[in-house]
Amino acid sequence: MRIYNRYILALSISFAIVTVLFAVRGVKNITVYFSVFAIIHLASTTLFVYFNPKARRALVPVTFAVFLGFMSIVILKIMEMMRG
């Protein structure tokens, strides 16, 4: 199995497990889902650093977009907490 397939399989399994666990727990907040999925994506990408340079370059924009989305959620939550 190629490393790309392992990467996609790891992400798919992780996302599926988290989705099922959140559904069982009754989590309805989309920011929680996105935050956890972003953390899983960033951790999985870090674990699979042995991609060839072309694959790594292709993942950089995706990782950057996920990180920006995660940081925007964090900033919005901080602003919400500061407002009271």
PDB file of N, CA and C in Angstrom:
ATOM      1  N   MET A   1       0.852  -1.173   0.000  1.00  0.00           N
ATOM      2  CA  MET A   1       0.000   0.000   0.000  1.00  0.00           C
ATOM      3  C   MET A   1       0.901   1.240   0.000  1.00  0.00           C
ATOM      4  N   ARG A   2       0.620   2.158  -0.897  1.00  0.00           N
ATOM      5  CA  ARG A   2       1.419   3.380  -0.994  1.00  0.00           C
ATOM      6  C   ARG A   2       1.125   4.301   0.179  1.00  0.00           C
ATOM      7  N   ILE A   3       2.047   5.188   0.448  1.00  0.00           N
ATOM      8  CA  ILE A   3       1.904   6.090   1.594  1.00  0.00           C
ATOM      9  C   ILE A   3       0.706   7.019   1.445  1.00  0.00           C
ATOM     10  N   TYR A   4       0.371   7.398   0.214  1.00  0.00           N
ATOM     11  CA  TYR A   4      -0.789   8.262  -0.004  1.00  0.00           C
ATOM     12  C   TYR A   4      -2.068   7.547   0.423  1.00  0.00           C
ATOM     13  N   ASN A   5      -2.149   6.275   0.067  1.00  0.00           N
ATOM     14  CA  ASN A   5      -3.329   5.491   0.441  1.00  0.00           C
ATOM     15  C   ASN A   5      -3.415   5.330   1.951  1.00  0.00           C
ATOM     16  N   ARG A   6      -2.275   5.122   2.593  1.00  0.00           N
ATOM     17  CA  ARG A   6      -2.276   5.013   4.061  1.00  0.00           C
ATOM     18  C   ARG A   6      -2.715   6.322   4.700  1.00  0.00           C
ATOM     19  N   TYR A   7      -2.250   7.418   4.147  1.00  0.00           N
ATOM     20  CA  TYR A   7      -2.615   8.738   4.667  1.00  0.00           C
ATOM     21  C   TYR A   7      -4.119   8.961   4.559  1.00  0.00           C
ATOM     22  N   ILE A   8      -4.669   8.715   3.391  1.00  0.00           N
ATOM     23  CA  ILE A   8      -6.110   8.904   3.188  1.00  0.00           C
ATOM     24  C   ILE A   8      -6.910   7.931   4.047  1.00  0.00           C
ATOM     25  N   LEU A   9      -6.436   6.712   4.167  1.00  0.00           N
ATOM     26  CA  LEU A   9      -7.106   5.724   5.016  1.00  0.00           C
ATOM     27  C   LEU A   9      -7.079   6.152   6.478  1.00  0.00           C
ATOM     28  N   ALA A  10      -5.937   6.645   6.941  1.00  0.00           N
ATOM     29  CA  ALA A  10      -5.832   7.099   8.328  1.00  0.00           C
ATOM     30  C   ALA A  10      -6.772   8.270   8.591  1.00  0.00           C
ATOM     31  N   LEU A  11      -6.825   9.225   7.673  1.00  0.00           N
ATOM     32  CA  LEU A  11      -7.743  10.354   7.837  1.00  0.00           C
ATOM     33  C   LEU A  11      -9.197   9.896   7.826  1.00  0.00           C
ATOM     34  N   SER A  12      -9.528   9.019   6.902  1.00  0.00           N
ATOM     35  CA  SER A  12     -10.912   8.544   6.793  1.00  0.00           C
ATOM     36  C   SER A  12     -11.353   7.806   8.044  1.00  0.00           C
ATOM     37  N   ILE A  13     -10.514   6.931   8.531  1.00  0.00           N
ATOM     38  CA  ILE A  13     -10.862   6.175   9.737  1.00  0.00           C
ATOM     39  C   ILE A  13     -10.969   7.107  10.940  1.00  0.00           C
ATOM     40  N   SER A  14     -10.025   8.027  11.074  1.00  0.00           N
ATOM     41  CA  SER A  14     -10.061   8.969  12.199  1.00  0.00           C
ATOM     42  C   SER A  14     -11.310   9.836  12.158  1.00  0.00           C
ATOM     43  N   PHE A  15     -11.623  10.382  10.979  1.00  0.00           N
ATOM     44  CA  PHE A  15     -12.817  11.217  10.856  1.00  0.00           C
ATOM     45  C   PHE A  15     -14.086  10.417  11.144  1.00  0.00           C
ATOM     46  N   ALA A  16     -14.143   9.190  10.665  1.00  0.00           N
ATOM     47  CA  ALA A  16     -15.327   8.358  10.893  1.00  0.00           C
ATOM     48  C   ALA A  16     -15.510   8.054  12.377  1.00  0.00           C
ATOM     49  N   ILE A  17     -14.425   7.712  13.056  1.00  0.00           N
ATOM     50  CA  ILE A  17     -14.517   7.404  14.491  1.00  0.00           C
ATOM     51  C   ILE A  17     -14.978   8.626  15.270  1.00  0.00           C
ATOM     52  N   VAL A  18     -14.389   9.775  14.978  1.00  0.00           N
ATOM     53  CA  VAL A  18     -14.765  11.000  15.684  1.00  0.00           C
ATOM     54  C   VAL A  18     -16.217  11.368  15.389  1.00  0.00           C
ATOM     55  N   THR A  19     -16.644  11.227  14.158  1.00  0.00           N
ATOM     56  CA  THR A  19     -18.026  11.548  13.801  1.00  0.00           C
ATOM     57  C   THR A  19     -19.009  10.657  14.544  1.00  0.00           C
ATOM     58  N   VAL A  20     -18.719   9.373  14.593  1.00  0.00           N
ATOM     59  CA  VAL A  20     -19.602   8.442  15.311  1.00  0.00           C
ATOM     60  C   VAL A  20     -19.626   8.767  16.806  1.00  0.00           C
ATOM     61  N   LEU A  21     -18.462   9.028  17.388  1.00  0.00           N
ATOM     62  CA  LEU A  21     -18.420   9.353  18.814  1.00  0.00           C
ATOM     63  C   LEU A  21     -19.177  10.645  19.116  1.00  0.00           C
ATOM     64  N   PHE A  22     -19.018  11.652  18.274  1.00  0.00           N
ATOM     65  CA  PHE A  22     -19.741  12.898  18.484  1.00  0.00           C
ATOM     66  C   PHE A  22     -21.244  12.717  18.280  1.00  0.00           C
ATOM     67  N   ALA A  23     -21.632  11.894  17.323  1.00  0.00           N
ATOM     68  CA  ALA A  23     -23.061  11.642  17.096  1.00  0.00           C
ATOM     69  C   ALA A  23     -23.673  10.926  18.290  1.00  0.00           C
ATOM     70  N   VAL A  24     -22.936   9.972  18.833  1.00  0.00           N
ATOM     71  CA  VAL A  24     -23.436   9.242  20.011  1.00  0.00           C
ATOM     72  C   VAL A  24     -23.571  10.188  21.203  1.00  0.00           C
ATOM     73  N   ARG A  25     -22.613  11.090  21.345  1.00  0.00           N
ATOM     74  CA  ARG A  25     -22.645  12.040  22.464  1.00  0.00           C
ATOM     75  C   ARG A  25     -23.620  13.191  22.236  1.00  0.00           C
ATOM     76  N   GLY A  26     -24.102  13.357  21.020  1.00  0.00           N
ATOM     77  CA  GLY A  26     -25.077  14.398  20.732  1.00  0.00           C
ATOM     78  C   GLY A  26     -24.466  15.771  20.498  1.00  0.00           C
ATOM     79  N   VAL A  27     -23.230  15.806  20.042  1.00  0.00           N
ATOM     80  CA  VAL A  27     -22.573  17.088  19.767  1.00  0.00           C
ATOM     81  C   VAL A  27     -23.184  17.686  18.500  1.00  0.00           C
ATOM     82  N   LYS A  28     -23.661  18.924  18.613  1.00  0.00           N
ATOM     83  CA  LYS A  28     -24.306  19.570  17.473  1.00  0.00           C
ATOM     84  C   LYS A  28     -23.577  20.829  17.023  1.00  0.00           C
ATOM     85  N   ASN A  29     -22.505  21.196  17.702  1.00  0.00           N
ATOM     86  CA  ASN A  29     -21.764  22.411  17.400  1.00  0.00           C
ATOM     87  C   ASN A  29     -20.756  22.139  16.285  1.00  0.00           C
ATOM     88  N   ILE A  30     -20.926  22.811  15.156  1.00  0.00           N
ATOM     89  CA  ILE A  30     -20.072  22.576  13.993  1.00  0.00           C
ATOM     90  C   ILE A  30     -18.635  23.005  14.255  1.00  0.00           C
ATOM     91  N   THR A  31     -18.428  23.983  15.132  1.00  0.00           N
ATOM     92  CA  THR A  31     -17.065  24.416  15.418  1.00  0.00           C
ATOM     93  C   THR A  31     -16.277  23.332  16.147  1.00  0.00           C
ATOM     94  N   VAL A  32     -16.950  22.536  16.937  1.00  0.00           N
ATOM     95  CA  VAL A  32     -16.275  21.428  17.616  1.00  0.00           C
ATOM     96  C   VAL A  32     -15.824  20.398  16.589  1.00  0.00           C
ATOM     97  N   TYR A  33     -16.698  20.062  15.663  1.00  0.00           N
ATOM     98  CA  TYR A  33     -16.345  19.119  14.611  1.00  0.00           C
ATOM     99  C   TYR A  33     -15.143  19.634  13.807  1.00  0.00           C
ATOM    100  N   PHE A  34     -15.230  20.886  13.358  1.00  0.00           N
ATOM    101  CA  PHE A  34     -14.155  21.428  12.528  1.00  0.00           C
ATOM    102  C   PHE A  34     -12.847  21.484  13.297  1.00  0.00           C
ATOM    103  N   SER A  35     -12.900  21.883  14.556  1.00  0.00           N
ATOM    104  CA  SER A  35     -11.677  21.975  15.356  1.00  0.00           C
ATOM    105  C   SER A  35     -11.020  20.619  15.522  1.00  0.00           C
ATOM    106  N   VAL A  36     -11.799  19.619  15.836  1.00  0.00           N
ATOM    107  CA  VAL A  36     -11.238  18.275  16.018  1.00  0.00           C
ATOM    108  C   VAL A  36     -10.741  17.716  14.684  1.00  0.00           C
ATOM    109  N   PHE A  37     -11.483  17.936  13.631  1.00  0.00           N
ATOM    110  CA  PHE A  37     -11.027  17.474  12.309  1.00  0.00           C
ATOM    111  C   PHE A  37      -9.741  18.180  11.894  1.00  0.00           C
ATOM    112  N   ALA A  38      -9.627  19.464  12.218  1.00  0.00           N
ATOM    113  CA  ALA A  38      -8.400  20.199  11.893  1.00  0.00           C
ATOM    114  C   ALA A  38      -7.215  19.638  12.663  1.00  0.00           C
ATOM    115  N   ILE A  39      -7.422  19.346  13.927  1.00  0.00           N
ATOM    116  CA  ILE A  39      -6.339  18.772  14.730  1.00  0.00           C
ATOM    117  C   ILE A  39      -5.941  17.405  14.198  1.00  0.00           C
ATOM    118  N   ILE A  40      -6.923  16.600  13.829  1.00  0.00           N
ATOM    119  CA  ILE A  40      -6.622  15.277  13.257  1.00  0.00           C
ATOM    120  C   ILE A  40      -5.848  15.432  11.951  1.00  0.00           C
ATOM    121  N   HIS A  41      -6.291  16.352  11.110  1.00  0.00           N
ATOM    122  CA  HIS A  41      -5.600  16.569   9.836  1.00  0.00           C
ATOM    123  C   HIS A  41      -4.154  17.003  10.065  1.00  0.00           C
ATOM    124  N   LEU A  42      -3.948  17.964  10.953  1.00  0.00           N
ATOM    125  CA  LEU A  42      -2.595  18.457  11.202  1.00  0.00           C
ATOM    126  C   LEU A  42      -1.712  17.378  11.814  1.00  0.00           C
ATOM    127  N   ALA A  43      -2.260  16.597  12.735  1.00  0.00           N
ATOM    128  CA  ALA A  43      -1.477  15.525  13.347  1.00  0.00           C
ATOM    129  C   ALA A  43      -1.151  14.421  12.339  1.00  0.00           C
ATOM    130  N   SER A  44      -2.123  14.049  11.527  1.00  0.00           N
ATOM    131  CA  SER A  44      -1.884  13.004  10.528  1.00  0.00           C
ATOM    132  C   SER A  44      -0.866  13.446   9.492  1.00  0.00           C
ATOM    133  N   THR A  45      -0.948  14.692   9.072  1.00  0.00           N
ATOM    134  CA  THR A  45       0.005  15.206   8.104  1.00  0.00           C
ATOM    135  C   THR A  45       1.408  15.220   8.691  1.00  0.00           C
ATOM    136  N   THR A  46       1.513  15.562   9.973  1.00  0.00           N
ATOM    137  CA  THR A  46       2.813  15.551  10.631  1.00  0.00           C
ATOM    138  C   THR A  46       3.362  14.131  10.733  1.00  0.00           C
ATOM    139  N   LEU A  47       2.501  13.176  10.997  1.00  0.00           N
ATOM    140  CA  LEU A  47       2.950  11.791  11.107  1.00  0.00           C
ATOM    141  C   LEU A  47       3.390  11.217   9.765  1.00  0.00           C
ATOM    142  N   PHE A  48       2.803  11.695   8.696  1.00  0.00           N
ATOM    143  CA  PHE A  48       3.127  11.188   7.366  1.00  0.00           C
ATOM    144  C   PHE A  48       4.090  12.141   6.644  1.00  0.00           C
ATOM    145  N   VAL A  49       5.174  12.515   7.299  1.00  0.00           N
ATOM    146  CA  VAL A  49       6.119  13.473   6.716  1.00  0.00           C
ATOM    147  C   VAL A  49       6.995  12.842   5.650  1.00  0.00           C
ATOM    148  N   TYR A  50       6.855  11.571   5.428  1.00  0.00           N
ATOM    149  CA  TYR A  50       7.717  10.894   4.470  1.00  0.00           C
ATOM    150  C   TYR A  50       7.168  10.929   3.050  1.00  0.00           C
ATOM    151  N   PHE A  51       6.258  11.871   2.779  1.00  0.00           N
ATOM    152  CA  PHE A  51       5.782  12.044   1.416  1.00  0.00           C
ATOM    153  C   PHE A  51       6.936  12.524   0.550  1.00  0.00           C
ATOM    154  N   ASN A  52       6.808  12.285  -0.724  1.00  0.00           N
ATOM    155  CA  ASN A  52       7.815  12.862  -1.609  1.00  0.00           C
ATOM    156  C   ASN A  52       7.599  14.373  -1.682  1.00  0.00           C
ATOM    157  N   PRO A  53       8.594  15.123  -2.123  1.00  0.00           N
ATOM    158  CA  PRO A  53       8.480  16.590  -2.119  1.00  0.00           C
ATOM    159  C   PRO A  53       7.277  17.133  -2.894  1.00  0.00           C
ATOM    160  N   LYS A  54       6.909  16.469  -3.976  1.00  0.00           N
ATOM    161  CA  LYS A  54       5.759  16.931  -4.755  1.00  0.00           C
ATOM    162  C   LYS A  54       4.464  16.802  -3.948  1.00  0.00           C
ATOM    163  N   ALA A  55       4.311  15.695  -3.239  1.00  0.00           N
ATOM    164  CA  ALA A  55       3.116  15.498  -2.419  1.00  0.00           C
ATOM    165  C   ALA A  55       3.098  16.475  -1.250  1.00  0.00           C
ATOM    166  N   ARG A  56       4.247  16.719  -0.639  1.00  0.00           N
ATOM    167  CA  ARG A  56       4.314  17.684   0.454  1.00  0.00           C
ATOM    168  C   ARG A  56       3.927  19.076  -0.023  1.00  0.00           C
ATOM    169  N   ARG A  57       4.414  19.470  -1.185  1.00  0.00           N
ATOM    170  CA  ARG A  57       4.061  20.777  -1.733  1.00  0.00           C
ATOM    171  C   ARG A  57       2.569  20.865  -2.022  1.00  0.00           C
ATOM    172  N   ALA A  58       1.965  19.770  -2.433  1.00  0.00           N
ATOM    173  CA  ALA A  58       0.527  19.775  -2.717  1.00  0.00           C
ATOM    174  C   ALA A  58      -0.289  19.876  -1.437  1.00  0.00           C
ATOM    175  N   LEU A  59       0.227  19.354  -0.333  1.00  0.00           N
ATOM    176  CA  LEU A  59      -0.508  19.396   0.930  1.00  0.00           C
ATOM    177  C   LEU A  59      -0.350  20.718   1.676  1.00  0.00           C
ATOM    178  N   VAL A  60       0.639  21.509   1.343  1.00  0.00           N
ATOM    179  CA  VAL A  60       0.866  22.761   2.062  1.00  0.00           C
ATOM    180  C   VAL A  60      -0.341  23.700   1.987  1.00  0.00           C
ATOM    181  N   PRO A  61      -0.936  23.953   0.815  1.00  0.00           N
ATOM    182  CA  PRO A  61      -2.100  24.849   0.791  1.00  0.00           C
ATOM    183  C   PRO A  61      -3.293  24.299   1.581  1.00  0.00           C
ATOM    184  N   VAL A  62      -3.494  23.002   1.527  1.00  0.00           N
ATOM    185  CA  VAL A  62      -4.603  22.400   2.271  1.00  0.00           C
ATOM    186  C   VAL A  62      -4.374  22.567   3.767  1.00  0.00           C
ATOM    187  N   THR A  63      -3.172  22.268   4.209  1.00  0.00           N
ATOM    188  CA  THR A  63      -2.841  22.398   5.627  1.00  0.00           C
ATOM    189  C   THR A  63      -2.944  23.854   6.067  1.00  0.00           C
ATOM    190  N   PHE A  64      -2.496  24.770   5.238  1.00  0.00           N
ATOM    191  CA  PHE A  64      -2.592  26.190   5.561  1.00  0.00           C
ATOM    192  C   PHE A  64      -4.050  26.628   5.689  1.00  0.00           C
ATOM    193  N   ALA A  65      -4.905  26.178   4.784  1.00  0.00           N
ATOM    194  CA  ALA A  65      -6.320  26.531   4.841  1.00  0.00           C
ATOM    195  C   ALA A  65      -6.985  25.954   6.094  1.00  0.00           C
ATOM    196  N   VAL A  66      -6.655  24.725   6.428  1.00  0.00           N
ATOM    197  CA  VAL A  66      -7.212  24.104   7.638  1.00  0.00           C
ATOM    198  C   VAL A  66      -6.740  24.858   8.877  1.00  0.00           C
ATOM    199  N   PHE A  67      -5.469  25.224   8.903  1.00  0.00           N
ATOM    200  CA  PHE A  67      -4.934  25.956  10.042  1.00  0.00           C
ATOM    201  C   PHE A  67      -5.593  27.328  10.167  1.00  0.00           C
ATOM    202  N   LEU A  68      -5.792  28.023   9.051  1.00  0.00           N
ATOM    203  CA  LEU A  68      -6.469  29.324   9.099  1.00  0.00           C
ATOM    204  C   LEU A  68      -7.900  29.192   9.603  1.00  0.00           C
ATOM    205  N   GLY A  69      -8.603  28.153   9.152  1.00  0.00           N
ATOM    206  CA  GLY A  69      -9.953  27.916   9.650  1.00  0.00           C
ATOM    207  C   GLY A  69      -9.972  27.644  11.136  1.00  0.00           C
ATOM    208  N   PHE A  70      -9.037  26.848  11.599  1.00  0.00           N
ATOM    209  CA  PHE A  70      -8.939  26.527  13.025  1.00  0.00           C
ATOM    210  C   PHE A  70      -8.638  27.791  13.835  1.00  0.00           C
ATOM    211  N   MET A  71      -7.709  28.602  13.357  1.00  0.00           N
ATOM    212  CA  MET A  71      -7.361  29.825  14.081  1.00  0.00           C
ATOM    213  C   MET A  71      -8.508  30.829  14.079  1.00  0.00           C
ATOM    214  N   SER A  72      -9.279  30.883  13.015  1.00  0.00           N
ATOM    215  CA  SER A  72     -10.424  31.794  12.990  1.00  0.00           C
ATOM    216  C   SER A  72     -11.470  31.367  14.015  1.00  0.00           C
ATOM    217  N   ILE A  73     -11.662  30.068  14.179  1.00  0.00           N
ATOM    218  CA  ILE A  73     -12.599  29.583  15.199  1.00  0.00           C
ATOM    219  C   ILE A  73     -12.087  29.931  16.586  1.00  0.00           C
ATOM    220  N   VAL A  74     -10.800  29.748  16.810  1.00  0.00           N
ATOM    221  CA  VAL A  74     -10.219  30.081  18.116  1.00  0.00           C
ATOM    222  C   VAL A  74     -10.382  31.568  18.405  1.00  0.00           C
ATOM    223  N   ILE A  75     -10.100  32.403  17.432  1.00  0.00           N
ATOM    224  CA  ILE A  75     -10.222  33.854  17.622  1.00  0.00           C
ATOM    225  C   ILE A  75     -11.676  34.245  17.885  1.00  0.00           C
ATOM    226  N   LEU A  76     -12.612  33.665  17.141  1.00  0.00           N
ATOM    227  CA  LEU A  76     -14.027  33.970  17.367  1.00  0.00           C
ATOM    228  C   LEU A  76     -14.485  33.541  18.758  1.00  0.00           C
ATOM    229  N   LYS A  77     -14.020  32.396  19.217  1.00  0.00           N
ATOM    230  CA  LYS A  77     -14.382  31.924  20.562  1.00  0.00           C
ATOM    231  C   LYS A  77     -13.779  32.824  21.640  1.00  0.00           C
ATOM    232  N   ILE A  78     -12.547  33.285  21.439  1.00  0.00           N
ATOM    233  CA  ILE A  78     -11.937  34.189  22.402  1.00  0.00           C
ATOM    234  C   ILE A  78     -12.702  35.513  22.452  1.00  0.00           C
ATOM    235  N   MET A  79     -13.068  36.030  21.279  1.00  0.00           N
ATOM    236  CA  MET A  79     -13.841  37.273  21.250  1.00  0.00           C
ATOM    237  C   MET A  79     -15.194  37.088  21.920  1.00  0.00           C
ATOM    238  N   GLU A  80     -15.814  35.933  21.706  1.00  0.00           N
ATOM    239  CA  GLU A  80     -17.106  35.646  22.340  1.00  0.00           C
ATOM    240  C   GLU A  80     -16.976  35.595  23.855  1.00  0.00           C
ATOM    241  N   MET A  81     -15.894  34.986  24.336  1.00  0.00           N
ATOM    242  CA  MET A  81     -15.683  34.906  25.790  1.00  0.00           C
ATOM    243  C   MET A  81     -15.370  36.279  26.387  1.00  0.00           C
ATOM    244  N   MET A  82     -14.682  37.124  25.650  1.00  0.00           N
ATOM    245  CA  MET A  82     -14.360  38.451  26.159  1.00  0.00           C
ATOM    246  C   MET A  82     -15.582  39.348  26.235  1.00  0.00           C
ATOM    247  N   ARG A  83     -16.512  39.144  25.319  1.00  0.00           N
ATOM    248  CA  ARG A  83     -17.762  39.928  25.354  1.00  0.00           C
ATOM    249  C   ARG A  83     -18.666  39.496  26.484  1.00  0.00           C
ATOM    250  N   GLY A  84     -18.535  38.275  26.907  1.00  0.00           N
ATOM    251  CA  GLY A  84     -19.329  37.805  28.026  1.00  0.00           C
ATOM    252  C   GLY A  84     -20.446  37.007  27.626  1.00  0.00           C
TER     253      GLY A  84
END
